[in-house]
Protein backbone atom coordinates (compact mmCIF):
# COMPACT_ATOMS: atom_id res chain seq x y z
CA MET A 1 -27.12 -34.83 3.77
CA ASP A 2 -30.09 -32.86 5.07
CA ALA A 3 -33.50 -33.50 3.54
CA TRP A 4 -33.80 -29.96 2.19
CA ILE A 5 -30.59 -30.36 0.18
CA ALA A 6 -31.79 -33.66 -1.26
CA SER A 7 -35.07 -32.07 -2.28
CA LEU A 8 -33.24 -29.09 -3.75
CA GLU A 9 -31.10 -31.30 -5.97
CA SER A 10 -34.13 -32.89 -7.59
CA GLU A 11 -36.43 -29.91 -7.40
CA GLU A 12 -38.21 -28.60 -10.43
CA ARG A 13 -41.17 -26.40 -9.63
CA ARG A 14 -43.83 -25.22 -12.01
CA SER A 15 -46.35 -22.42 -11.81
CA ALA A 16 -48.63 -22.05 -14.79
CA HIS A 17 -46.09 -22.26 -17.61
CA VAL A 18 -43.02 -21.10 -15.69
CA LYS A 19 -40.41 -23.55 -14.38
CA LEU A 20 -37.81 -23.01 -11.66
CA LYS A 21 -34.49 -24.87 -11.93
CA TRP A 22 -31.48 -24.72 -9.61
CA GLN A 23 -28.17 -24.79 -11.48
CA SER A 24 -25.34 -26.91 -10.06
CA LYS A 25 -23.36 -23.86 -8.82
CA ALA A 26 -26.41 -22.60 -6.92
CA ARG A 27 -26.88 -26.04 -5.32
CA SER A 28 -23.18 -26.04 -4.37
CA ASP A 29 -23.56 -22.53 -2.94
CA ALA A 30 -26.52 -23.67 -0.82
CA LEU A 31 -24.58 -26.63 0.53
CA ARG A 32 -21.54 -24.44 1.31
CA LEU A 33 -23.72 -21.88 3.12
CA GLN A 34 -25.51 -24.59 5.07
CA LYS A 35 -22.20 -26.03 6.29
CA PHE A 36 -20.90 -22.59 7.23
CA LEU A 37 -24.08 -21.66 9.08
CA ALA A 38 -24.17 -25.00 10.90
CA LEU A 39 -20.63 -24.41 12.21
CA ASN A 40 -21.59 -21.04 13.61
CA ASN A 41 -25.11 -21.75 14.85
CA ARG A 42 -26.38 -25.27 14.25
CA HIS A 43 -29.87 -24.40 15.52
CA ALA A 44 -30.37 -21.38 13.27
CA ALA A 45 -28.87 -22.96 10.14
CA PRO A 46 -31.90 -25.09 9.16
CA ARG A 47 -34.29 -22.14 9.57
CA MET A 48 -32.09 -19.81 7.52
CA MET A 49 -31.59 -22.35 4.76
CA LYS A 50 -35.30 -23.11 4.61
CA SER A 51 -35.95 -19.38 4.17
CA LEU A 52 -33.29 -19.01 1.47
CA ILE A 53 -34.55 -22.03 -0.46
CA ALA A 54 -38.15 -20.79 -0.30
CA VAL A 55 -37.37 -17.36 -1.75
CA PRO A 56 -36.78 -18.44 -5.38
CA LYS A 57 -40.21 -20.08 -5.37
CA ARG A 58 -41.65 -16.55 -5.10
CA LEU A 59 -40.09 -15.88 -8.50
CA LEU A 60 -42.64 -18.27 -10.01
CA VAL A 61 -45.33 -15.73 -9.17
CA HIS A 62 -43.23 -12.56 -9.56
CA PRO A 63 -40.35 -13.44 -11.93
CA ARG A 64 -39.25 -9.83 -12.45
CA ILE A 65 -39.07 -8.90 -8.76
CA GLY A 66 -35.26 -8.78 -8.74
CA GLU A 67 -32.98 -5.95 -9.80
CA ARG A 68 -32.00 -6.35 -13.45
CA LEU A 69 -28.31 -6.88 -14.11
CA GLU A 70 -27.44 -4.82 -17.16
CA GLU A 71 -24.16 -6.60 -17.88
CA PHE A 72 -26.12 -9.58 -19.22
CA GLU A 73 -27.83 -8.40 -22.39
CA VAL A 74 -28.68 -11.75 -23.96
CA SER A 75 -31.34 -12.72 -21.44
CA ARG A 76 -33.11 -11.33 -18.41
CA SER A 77 -30.67 -11.75 -15.49
CA ALA A 78 -31.38 -10.33 -12.08
CA ALA A 79 -30.32 -10.32 -8.44
CA PHE A 80 -32.67 -10.69 -5.52
CA SER A 81 -31.55 -9.80 -1.98
CA VAL A 82 -32.77 -11.58 1.11
CA GLY A 83 -31.34 -9.93 4.18
CA ASP A 84 -27.58 -10.41 3.92
CA TYR A 85 -27.87 -12.91 1.08
CA GLU A 86 -28.08 -12.46 -2.67
CA ILE A 87 -29.62 -14.80 -5.20
CA ARG A 88 -28.79 -14.41 -8.87
CA TYR A 89 -31.13 -15.82 -11.44
CA GLN A 90 -31.79 -15.76 -15.15
CA ILE A 91 -35.02 -16.00 -17.11
CA ILE A 92 -34.84 -17.82 -20.42
CA ASP A 93 -38.12 -18.42 -22.20
CA GLU A 94 -40.44 -19.95 -19.59
CA THR A 95 -37.72 -21.10 -17.19
CA ILE A 96 -36.16 -19.31 -14.22
CA TYR A 97 -32.65 -20.59 -13.51
CA VAL A 98 -31.23 -19.97 -10.04
CA LEU A 99 -27.56 -19.32 -10.82
CA ARG A 100 -25.82 -18.42 -7.56
CA LEU A 101 -26.52 -17.88 -3.87
CA TRP A 102 -24.14 -16.20 -1.41
CA HIS A 103 -23.75 -14.02 1.66
CA THR A 104 -23.08 -10.40 0.68
CA ARG A 105 -19.92 -10.30 2.83
CA GLU A 106 -18.33 -13.22 0.99
CA ASP A 107 -15.32 -12.51 -1.15
CA ARG A 108 -16.54 -13.61 -4.56
């Protein structure tokens, strides 16, 4: 398993009072994308995954940067696009949960 996936599985970042946690489905999504990218371009895959993993860390500074998803009324849920990828996350109290990560062309 690549080092970035190992660090992702145990990662819990903090900024001031805000925490960032990757949910199990988001970790599975990252692993699936990494395998797919490696099959198609093994040299570009690590760079792309490093970029995708770094993006949610920006939410620690700007947690409301994503587009709000109105279908989730209970808490603040949003989607954040990065090129052809989308990251869904949810803010509950002082924690940002990364819920899902996928390529926009995937059949979900």
